[in-house]
Structure formats: C-alpha cells, structure tokens
N, C-alpha and C. Protein backbone atom coordinates (compact mmCIF):
# COMPACT_ATOMS: atom_id res chain seq x y z
N MET A 1 14.71 -11.71 3.02
CA MET A 1 14.64 -12.41 4.28
C MET A 1 14.62 -11.40 5.43
N THR A 2 13.91 -11.73 6.45
CA THR A 2 13.81 -10.84 7.60
C THR A 2 14.48 -11.46 8.80
N ASP A 3 14.98 -10.60 9.67
CA ASP A 3 15.61 -11.07 10.89
C ASP A 3 14.84 -10.53 12.09
N HIS A 4 14.40 -11.42 12.93
CA HIS A 4 13.71 -11.07 14.17
C HIS A 4 14.34 -11.90 15.26
N PRO A 5 14.47 -11.34 16.45
CA PRO A 5 14.97 -12.16 17.55
C PRO A 5 13.96 -13.27 17.87
N ILE A 6 14.47 -14.44 18.14
CA ILE A 6 13.60 -15.58 18.46
C ILE A 6 13.18 -15.47 19.92
N ARG A 7 11.90 -15.65 20.15
CA ARG A 7 11.36 -15.68 21.52
C ARG A 7 11.24 -17.14 21.93
N PHE A 8 12.24 -17.63 22.64
CA PHE A 8 12.26 -19.03 23.07
C PHE A 8 11.33 -19.22 24.27
N PHE A 9 10.96 -20.48 24.51
CA PHE A 9 10.07 -20.84 25.61
C PHE A 9 10.89 -21.27 26.80
N ALA A 10 10.56 -20.75 27.99
CA ALA A 10 11.32 -21.02 29.21
C ALA A 10 11.16 -22.45 29.68
N ASP A 11 9.97 -23.03 29.47
CA ASP A 11 9.74 -24.38 29.98
C ASP A 11 8.52 -24.99 29.29
N ASP A 12 8.25 -26.24 29.62
CA ASP A 12 7.14 -26.96 29.02
C ASP A 12 5.80 -26.29 29.32
N ALA A 13 5.67 -25.75 30.53
CA ALA A 13 4.42 -25.08 30.92
C ALA A 13 4.12 -23.89 30.02
N ALA A 14 5.14 -23.18 29.59
CA ALA A 14 4.93 -22.03 28.70
C ALA A 14 4.39 -22.48 27.34
N VAL A 15 4.86 -23.62 26.86
CA VAL A 15 4.35 -24.17 25.59
C VAL A 15 2.90 -24.60 25.77
N ARG A 16 2.63 -25.30 26.84
CA ARG A 16 1.24 -25.77 27.11
C ARG A 16 0.30 -24.58 27.26
N HIS A 17 0.76 -23.51 27.89
CA HIS A 17 -0.05 -22.29 28.06
C HIS A 17 -0.52 -21.78 26.70
N VAL A 18 0.36 -21.76 25.73
CA VAL A 18 0.01 -21.29 24.39
C VAL A 18 -1.00 -22.24 23.74
N GLY A 19 -0.70 -23.52 23.76
CA GLY A 19 -1.60 -24.48 23.13
C GLY A 19 -2.98 -24.51 23.76
N GLU A 20 -3.01 -24.54 25.08
CA GLU A 20 -4.29 -24.56 25.77
C GLU A 20 -5.05 -23.25 25.59
N GLY A 21 -4.33 -22.13 25.58
CA GLY A 21 -4.96 -20.83 25.35
C GLY A 21 -5.53 -20.71 23.95
N LEU A 22 -4.84 -21.30 22.98
CA LEU A 22 -5.36 -21.31 21.60
C LEU A 22 -6.67 -22.09 21.55
N LEU A 23 -6.66 -23.28 22.11
CA LEU A 23 -7.88 -24.11 22.07
C LEU A 23 -9.04 -23.46 22.82
N ALA A 24 -8.76 -22.86 23.96
CA ALA A 24 -9.80 -22.24 24.76
C ALA A 24 -10.16 -20.83 24.26
N ARG A 25 -9.35 -20.31 23.35
CA ARG A 25 -9.53 -18.95 22.80
C ARG A 25 -9.34 -17.89 23.87
N THR A 26 -8.45 -18.19 24.80
CA THR A 26 -8.18 -17.26 25.91
C THR A 26 -6.76 -16.70 25.88
N LEU A 27 -5.94 -17.16 24.94
CA LEU A 27 -4.58 -16.64 24.82
C LEU A 27 -4.65 -15.17 24.44
N PRO A 28 -4.00 -14.28 25.18
CA PRO A 28 -4.00 -12.87 24.77
C PRO A 28 -3.45 -12.71 23.36
N LYS A 29 -4.09 -11.86 22.59
CA LYS A 29 -3.70 -11.65 21.19
C LYS A 29 -2.22 -11.32 21.06
N ALA A 30 -1.68 -10.55 21.98
CA ALA A 30 -0.27 -10.16 21.93
C ALA A 30 0.67 -11.37 22.06
N GLU A 31 0.17 -12.46 22.63
CA GLU A 31 0.98 -13.67 22.78
C GLU A 31 0.90 -14.60 21.56
N TRP A 32 0.05 -14.30 20.61
CA TRP A 32 -0.12 -15.14 19.42
C TRP A 32 0.91 -14.73 18.37
N THR A 33 2.13 -15.04 18.66
CA THR A 33 3.29 -14.70 17.83
C THR A 33 3.61 -15.84 16.86
N HIS A 34 4.58 -15.62 16.00
CA HIS A 34 5.06 -16.68 15.13
C HIS A 34 5.51 -17.88 15.96
N GLU A 35 6.28 -17.61 17.01
CA GLU A 35 6.76 -18.68 17.87
C GLU A 35 5.59 -19.44 18.50
N ALA A 36 4.57 -18.70 18.91
CA ALA A 36 3.39 -19.34 19.51
C ALA A 36 2.68 -20.25 18.52
N HIS A 37 2.59 -19.82 17.27
CA HIS A 37 1.97 -20.66 16.24
C HIS A 37 2.69 -22.01 16.17
N LEU A 38 4.02 -21.97 16.09
CA LEU A 38 4.79 -23.22 15.98
C LEU A 38 4.72 -24.03 17.26
N ALA A 39 4.75 -23.37 18.40
CA ALA A 39 4.66 -24.08 19.68
C ALA A 39 3.30 -24.77 19.81
N ALA A 40 2.23 -24.08 19.45
CA ALA A 40 0.90 -24.67 19.54
C ALA A 40 0.77 -25.86 18.62
N CYS A 41 1.29 -25.76 17.42
CA CYS A 41 1.24 -26.88 16.48
C CYS A 41 2.01 -28.07 17.03
N LEU A 42 3.22 -27.83 17.52
CA LEU A 42 4.02 -28.91 18.06
C LEU A 42 3.34 -29.54 19.28
N TRP A 43 2.76 -28.72 20.14
CA TRP A 43 2.04 -29.22 21.32
C TRP A 43 0.86 -30.09 20.90
N LEU A 44 0.10 -29.61 19.93
CA LEU A 44 -1.05 -30.39 19.45
C LEU A 44 -0.58 -31.75 18.91
N LEU A 45 0.47 -31.74 18.10
CA LEU A 45 0.97 -32.99 17.53
C LEU A 45 1.55 -33.93 18.59
N THR A 46 2.10 -33.36 19.64
CA THR A 46 2.77 -34.14 20.68
C THR A 46 1.82 -34.62 21.78
N GLU A 47 0.95 -33.75 22.22
CA GLU A 47 0.16 -34.04 23.42
C GLU A 47 -1.34 -34.12 23.21
N ARG A 48 -1.82 -33.86 22.01
CA ARG A 48 -3.25 -33.91 21.75
C ARG A 48 -3.57 -34.81 20.56
N PRO A 49 -3.42 -36.12 20.75
CA PRO A 49 -3.71 -37.05 19.65
C PRO A 49 -5.19 -37.05 19.24
N ASP A 50 -6.04 -36.47 20.07
CA ASP A 50 -7.46 -36.36 19.74
C ASP A 50 -7.73 -35.29 18.68
N VAL A 51 -6.74 -34.45 18.40
CA VAL A 51 -6.88 -33.39 17.41
C VAL A 51 -6.20 -33.84 16.12
N ASP A 52 -6.95 -33.86 15.05
CA ASP A 52 -6.39 -34.11 13.71
C ASP A 52 -5.91 -32.76 13.20
N VAL A 53 -4.62 -32.52 13.32
CA VAL A 53 -4.08 -31.18 13.09
C VAL A 53 -4.39 -30.66 11.69
N GLU A 54 -4.15 -31.45 10.67
CA GLU A 54 -4.41 -30.96 9.31
C GLU A 54 -5.90 -30.64 9.11
N ARG A 55 -6.75 -31.41 9.70
CA ARG A 55 -8.20 -31.19 9.53
C ARG A 55 -8.70 -30.08 10.46
N ASP A 56 -8.26 -30.10 11.73
CA ASP A 56 -8.86 -29.24 12.74
C ASP A 56 -8.19 -27.88 12.93
N LEU A 57 -6.89 -27.78 12.63
CA LEU A 57 -6.19 -26.53 12.91
C LEU A 57 -6.76 -25.32 12.15
N PRO A 58 -7.20 -25.47 10.91
CA PRO A 58 -7.80 -24.29 10.25
C PRO A 58 -8.96 -23.70 11.06
N GLY A 59 -9.85 -24.53 11.53
CA GLY A 59 -10.98 -24.05 12.33
C GLY A 59 -10.55 -23.52 13.68
N ILE A 60 -9.58 -24.16 14.29
CA ILE A 60 -9.09 -23.72 15.60
C ILE A 60 -8.48 -22.32 15.49
N ILE A 61 -7.61 -22.13 14.50
CA ILE A 61 -6.96 -20.81 14.35
C ILE A 61 -7.99 -19.75 13.94
N SER A 62 -8.87 -20.09 13.02
CA SER A 62 -9.89 -19.12 12.58
C SER A 62 -10.78 -18.70 13.74
N ALA A 63 -11.22 -19.66 14.55
CA ALA A 63 -12.07 -19.33 15.69
C ALA A 63 -11.32 -18.48 16.71
N TYR A 64 -10.05 -18.82 16.93
CA TYR A 64 -9.24 -18.00 17.85
C TYR A 64 -9.13 -16.58 17.32
N ASN A 65 -8.79 -16.44 16.02
CA ASN A 65 -8.66 -15.10 15.44
C ASN A 65 -9.91 -14.27 15.67
N GLU A 66 -11.06 -14.85 15.43
CA GLU A 66 -12.32 -14.13 15.62
C GLU A 66 -12.55 -13.81 17.09
N ALA A 67 -12.17 -14.72 17.99
CA ALA A 67 -12.38 -14.49 19.42
C ALA A 67 -11.57 -13.31 19.94
N VAL A 68 -10.45 -13.02 19.29
CA VAL A 68 -9.62 -11.89 19.72
C VAL A 68 -9.82 -10.66 18.84
N GLY A 69 -10.91 -10.66 18.06
CA GLY A 69 -11.26 -9.49 17.27
C GLY A 69 -10.71 -9.47 15.86
N GLY A 70 -10.12 -10.56 15.43
CA GLY A 70 -9.58 -10.62 14.08
C GLY A 70 -10.62 -11.03 13.05
N VAL A 71 -10.21 -10.97 11.81
CA VAL A 71 -11.07 -11.33 10.68
C VAL A 71 -10.33 -12.36 9.84
N ASN A 72 -11.06 -13.34 9.36
CA ASN A 72 -10.51 -14.35 8.44
C ASN A 72 -11.20 -14.16 7.10
N ASP A 73 -10.47 -13.64 6.13
CA ASP A 73 -11.05 -13.48 4.81
C ASP A 73 -9.96 -13.67 3.77
N ALA A 74 -10.18 -13.20 2.58
CA ALA A 74 -9.23 -13.43 1.49
C ALA A 74 -7.93 -12.63 1.63
N THR A 75 -7.88 -11.69 2.57
CA THR A 75 -6.68 -10.85 2.69
C THR A 75 -6.06 -10.81 4.08
N GLN A 76 -6.73 -11.40 5.06
CA GLN A 76 -6.19 -11.34 6.44
C GLN A 76 -6.66 -12.53 7.25
N GLY A 77 -5.98 -12.74 8.36
CA GLY A 77 -6.35 -13.84 9.24
C GLY A 77 -5.73 -15.16 8.81
N TYR A 78 -6.48 -16.22 8.99
CA TYR A 78 -5.98 -17.57 8.72
C TYR A 78 -5.45 -17.70 7.30
N HIS A 79 -4.29 -18.37 7.17
CA HIS A 79 -3.64 -18.59 5.87
C HIS A 79 -3.39 -20.10 5.72
N HIS A 80 -4.14 -20.75 4.84
CA HIS A 80 -4.11 -22.21 4.76
C HIS A 80 -2.77 -22.77 4.28
N THR A 81 -2.19 -22.21 3.25
CA THR A 81 -0.93 -22.74 2.73
C THR A 81 0.20 -22.60 3.75
N ILE A 82 0.31 -21.45 4.38
CA ILE A 82 1.36 -21.27 5.38
C ILE A 82 1.15 -22.24 6.53
N THR A 83 -0.07 -22.41 6.98
CA THR A 83 -0.35 -23.32 8.09
C THR A 83 0.07 -24.74 7.74
N LEU A 84 -0.38 -25.25 6.62
CA LEU A 84 -0.06 -26.64 6.26
C LEU A 84 1.41 -26.84 5.95
N THR A 85 2.07 -25.81 5.44
CA THR A 85 3.50 -25.89 5.19
C THR A 85 4.26 -26.03 6.52
N TYR A 86 3.88 -25.24 7.50
CA TYR A 86 4.53 -25.36 8.81
C TYR A 86 4.15 -26.64 9.53
N VAL A 87 2.93 -27.12 9.37
CA VAL A 87 2.55 -28.40 10.00
C VAL A 87 3.48 -29.50 9.49
N ALA A 88 3.72 -29.52 8.19
CA ALA A 88 4.63 -30.53 7.62
C ALA A 88 6.03 -30.37 8.19
N ALA A 89 6.49 -29.13 8.36
CA ALA A 89 7.82 -28.89 8.93
C ALA A 89 7.89 -29.35 10.39
N VAL A 90 6.84 -29.08 11.14
CA VAL A 90 6.81 -29.50 12.55
C VAL A 90 6.80 -31.02 12.64
N ARG A 91 6.03 -31.67 11.80
CA ARG A 91 6.02 -33.14 11.79
C ARG A 91 7.41 -33.69 11.48
N ALA A 92 8.09 -33.13 10.50
CA ALA A 92 9.43 -33.59 10.14
C ALA A 92 10.40 -33.35 11.28
N HIS A 93 10.28 -32.20 11.92
CA HIS A 93 11.14 -31.89 13.07
C HIS A 93 10.93 -32.90 14.18
N LEU A 94 9.69 -33.19 14.49
CA LEU A 94 9.40 -34.17 15.55
C LEU A 94 9.94 -35.55 15.21
N ALA A 95 9.86 -35.94 13.96
CA ALA A 95 10.36 -37.25 13.54
C ALA A 95 11.87 -37.35 13.72
N ALA A 96 12.55 -36.22 13.64
CA ALA A 96 14.02 -36.21 13.75
C ALA A 96 14.50 -35.89 15.18
N THR A 97 13.57 -35.66 16.09
CA THR A 97 13.93 -35.28 17.46
C THR A 97 14.10 -36.54 18.32
N PRO A 98 15.19 -36.64 19.06
CA PRO A 98 15.41 -37.82 19.91
C PRO A 98 14.30 -38.02 20.92
N ALA A 99 13.95 -39.27 21.15
CA ALA A 99 12.96 -39.61 22.18
C ALA A 99 13.42 -39.07 23.52
N GLY A 100 12.49 -38.64 24.32
CA GLY A 100 12.82 -38.15 25.65
C GLY A 100 13.14 -36.66 25.70
N THR A 101 13.17 -36.00 24.55
CA THR A 101 13.40 -34.56 24.53
C THR A 101 12.18 -33.85 25.08
N GLY A 102 12.37 -32.91 25.97
CA GLY A 102 11.27 -32.17 26.58
C GLY A 102 10.54 -31.30 25.58
N LEU A 103 9.32 -30.95 25.93
CA LEU A 103 8.46 -30.17 25.05
C LEU A 103 9.08 -28.82 24.68
N ALA A 104 9.52 -28.05 25.65
CA ALA A 104 10.13 -26.75 25.36
C ALA A 104 11.42 -26.92 24.55
N ALA A 105 12.19 -27.93 24.85
CA ALA A 105 13.42 -28.18 24.08
C ALA A 105 13.09 -28.49 22.63
N LYS A 106 12.03 -29.25 22.39
CA LYS A 106 11.62 -29.54 21.01
C LYS A 106 11.22 -28.26 20.29
N VAL A 107 10.41 -27.45 20.95
CA VAL A 107 9.95 -26.20 20.34
C VAL A 107 11.14 -25.27 20.09
N ASN A 108 11.99 -25.10 21.09
CA ASN A 108 13.12 -24.19 20.95
C ASN A 108 14.07 -24.63 19.85
N ALA A 109 14.29 -25.94 19.72
CA ALA A 109 15.14 -26.44 18.62
C ALA A 109 14.50 -26.14 17.27
N LEU A 110 13.20 -26.30 17.18
CA LEU A 110 12.49 -25.97 15.93
C LEU A 110 12.63 -24.49 15.62
N LEU A 111 12.44 -23.64 16.62
CA LEU A 111 12.54 -22.19 16.40
C LEU A 111 13.94 -21.77 15.95
N ALA A 112 14.96 -22.49 16.41
CA ALA A 112 16.34 -22.17 16.03
C ALA A 112 16.74 -22.77 14.68
N ALA A 113 15.93 -23.68 14.17
CA ALA A 113 16.24 -24.34 12.90
C ALA A 113 15.77 -23.48 11.72
N PRO A 114 16.32 -23.71 10.54
CA PRO A 114 15.88 -22.93 9.37
C PRO A 114 14.36 -22.96 9.15
N GLN A 115 13.75 -24.14 9.34
CA GLN A 115 12.30 -24.25 9.09
C GLN A 115 11.46 -23.60 10.18
N GLY A 116 12.09 -23.09 11.21
CA GLY A 116 11.38 -22.35 12.25
C GLY A 116 11.35 -20.86 12.00
N ARG A 117 12.06 -20.42 11.01
CA ARG A 117 12.13 -18.98 10.70
C ARG A 117 10.80 -18.48 10.13
N ARG A 118 10.51 -17.23 10.38
CA ARG A 118 9.29 -16.60 9.85
C ARG A 118 9.27 -16.61 8.34
N ASP A 119 10.42 -16.46 7.72
CA ASP A 119 10.46 -16.35 6.26
C ASP A 119 10.79 -17.68 5.58
N TRP A 120 10.86 -18.76 6.33
CA TRP A 120 11.20 -20.06 5.76
C TRP A 120 10.31 -20.46 4.59
N PRO A 121 8.99 -20.26 4.65
CA PRO A 121 8.17 -20.65 3.49
C PRO A 121 8.60 -20.00 2.18
N LEU A 122 9.28 -18.87 2.27
CA LEU A 122 9.74 -18.19 1.04
C LEU A 122 10.94 -18.90 0.40
N THR A 123 11.45 -19.94 1.06
CA THR A 123 12.46 -20.79 0.41
C THR A 123 11.77 -21.83 -0.48
N LEU A 124 10.48 -22.00 -0.28
CA LEU A 124 9.69 -22.97 -1.04
C LEU A 124 8.76 -22.32 -2.04
N TYR A 125 8.34 -21.10 -1.74
CA TYR A 125 7.34 -20.37 -2.53
C TYR A 125 7.87 -19.02 -2.97
N SER A 126 7.47 -18.60 -4.15
CA SER A 126 7.69 -17.21 -4.53
C SER A 126 6.74 -16.35 -3.68
N ARG A 127 7.13 -15.14 -3.42
CA ARG A 127 6.32 -14.23 -2.61
C ARG A 127 4.91 -14.07 -3.20
N ASP A 128 4.83 -13.88 -4.51
CA ASP A 128 3.52 -13.69 -5.13
C ASP A 128 2.62 -14.90 -4.94
N ARG A 129 3.18 -16.08 -5.09
CA ARG A 129 2.36 -17.30 -4.93
C ARG A 129 1.94 -17.50 -3.47
N LEU A 130 2.90 -17.35 -2.55
CA LEU A 130 2.59 -17.59 -1.14
C LEU A 130 1.55 -16.61 -0.60
N PHE A 131 1.63 -15.38 -1.01
CA PHE A 131 0.73 -14.36 -0.47
C PHE A 131 -0.46 -14.08 -1.38
N SER A 132 -0.74 -15.01 -2.26
CA SER A 132 -1.92 -14.89 -3.12
C SER A 132 -3.18 -15.22 -2.33
N ILE A 133 -4.29 -14.74 -2.82
CA ILE A 133 -5.59 -15.07 -2.21
C ILE A 133 -5.81 -16.57 -2.27
N ASP A 134 -5.46 -17.18 -3.39
CA ASP A 134 -5.63 -18.63 -3.55
C ASP A 134 -4.89 -19.40 -2.46
N ALA A 135 -3.64 -18.99 -2.18
CA ALA A 135 -2.84 -19.69 -1.16
C ALA A 135 -3.38 -19.45 0.24
N ARG A 136 -3.99 -18.33 0.47
CA ARG A 136 -4.60 -18.06 1.79
C ARG A 136 -5.81 -18.97 2.00
N LEU A 137 -6.58 -19.17 0.98
CA LEU A 137 -7.87 -19.86 1.11
C LEU A 137 -7.79 -21.37 0.96
N ARG A 138 -6.77 -21.87 0.24
CA ARG A 138 -6.63 -23.31 0.07
C ARG A 138 -5.14 -23.64 -0.04
N PHE A 139 -4.79 -24.91 0.06
CA PHE A 139 -3.38 -25.27 -0.06
C PHE A 139 -2.94 -25.15 -1.51
N VAL A 140 -1.83 -24.46 -1.70
CA VAL A 140 -1.20 -24.31 -3.01
C VAL A 140 0.19 -24.93 -2.89
N PRO A 141 0.57 -25.84 -3.81
CA PRO A 141 1.89 -26.45 -3.70
C PRO A 141 3.01 -25.44 -3.98
N PRO A 142 4.19 -25.70 -3.43
CA PRO A 142 5.33 -24.78 -3.65
C PRO A 142 5.70 -24.67 -5.13
N ASP A 143 6.22 -23.52 -5.48
CA ASP A 143 6.67 -23.31 -6.85
C ASP A 143 8.20 -23.21 -6.94
N LEU A 144 8.90 -23.16 -5.82
CA LEU A 144 10.36 -23.05 -5.85
C LEU A 144 11.06 -24.34 -5.42
N ALA A 145 10.48 -25.07 -4.50
CA ALA A 145 11.08 -26.32 -3.99
C ALA A 145 9.97 -27.18 -3.39
N SER A 146 10.30 -28.45 -3.18
CA SER A 146 9.27 -29.32 -2.57
C SER A 146 9.58 -29.59 -1.12
C-alpha cells in the first residue's frame, strides 16, 4: 500500500474546472491527478446526465490523454478495469451521500474514504491481475473480493 497526501478540492468550482477541462481536453496534464480522476467522474455522474459514464468515459479519458501528448495502448494510458472499478465506487459513494451535500464536499469525502485511495483497487485485485494487459484493455472481474 502506498501513502500519498490527499489533494482536496477547495470548492465546487475547482471540481467543475477539472470535469470541464477533461471534456474540453484543456485541463493541464499536471492537474490530471488521481484526485482529479475521481472528481471528474463524480462531477459527470452528478451534473452531466447527458454522459453515459460507463460507455463514454473510456473515450473521454483516451481522447484527453492523447490531447496532452499521452499514449493509450496495452501498457500505458487509459486502463479500463481501474476506471470501471472506480466508477462503481463513486456511484456507491454518491448513493450513500446525504442529499444537499455540496459537490466539493462529496468529492472530498470520497477522497478521504478507503475507496478513494490510489491503492484501493488492490484490495479487490491481485497486483498481477490488475496491471495485466487484459485488465487495461477490457474489464476483468476482481480476483480477491467483489
């Protein structure tokens, strides 16, 4: 397990900045952090009902990666299993969040929760399975927990 300081969001505008920057492919690459990934997902699920997250997020992230000079292939860039695993965690977090909670508060609570950790998927997957080429390219079910 790894320990990194959590970069919390100051306000709702900071969360929207990440989500809108991802969609427009204008978010600076340095701002596309683990926290930004989760914030963008939560923002999409909360404020963009026109986006089918499970269907559209792979293309959105892949296009963003390419726009900032990245590559999406069997060893780098977009990772399908990690993305869908976190989408499910964000959905569960939102379902358990009290109505009326602000956007940044929702994101910050997720980031502080176990399922917001960078290494959380390793509680569900063995390292070899999670970081396999197969798991990067398509969804692979967990081998340690459901």
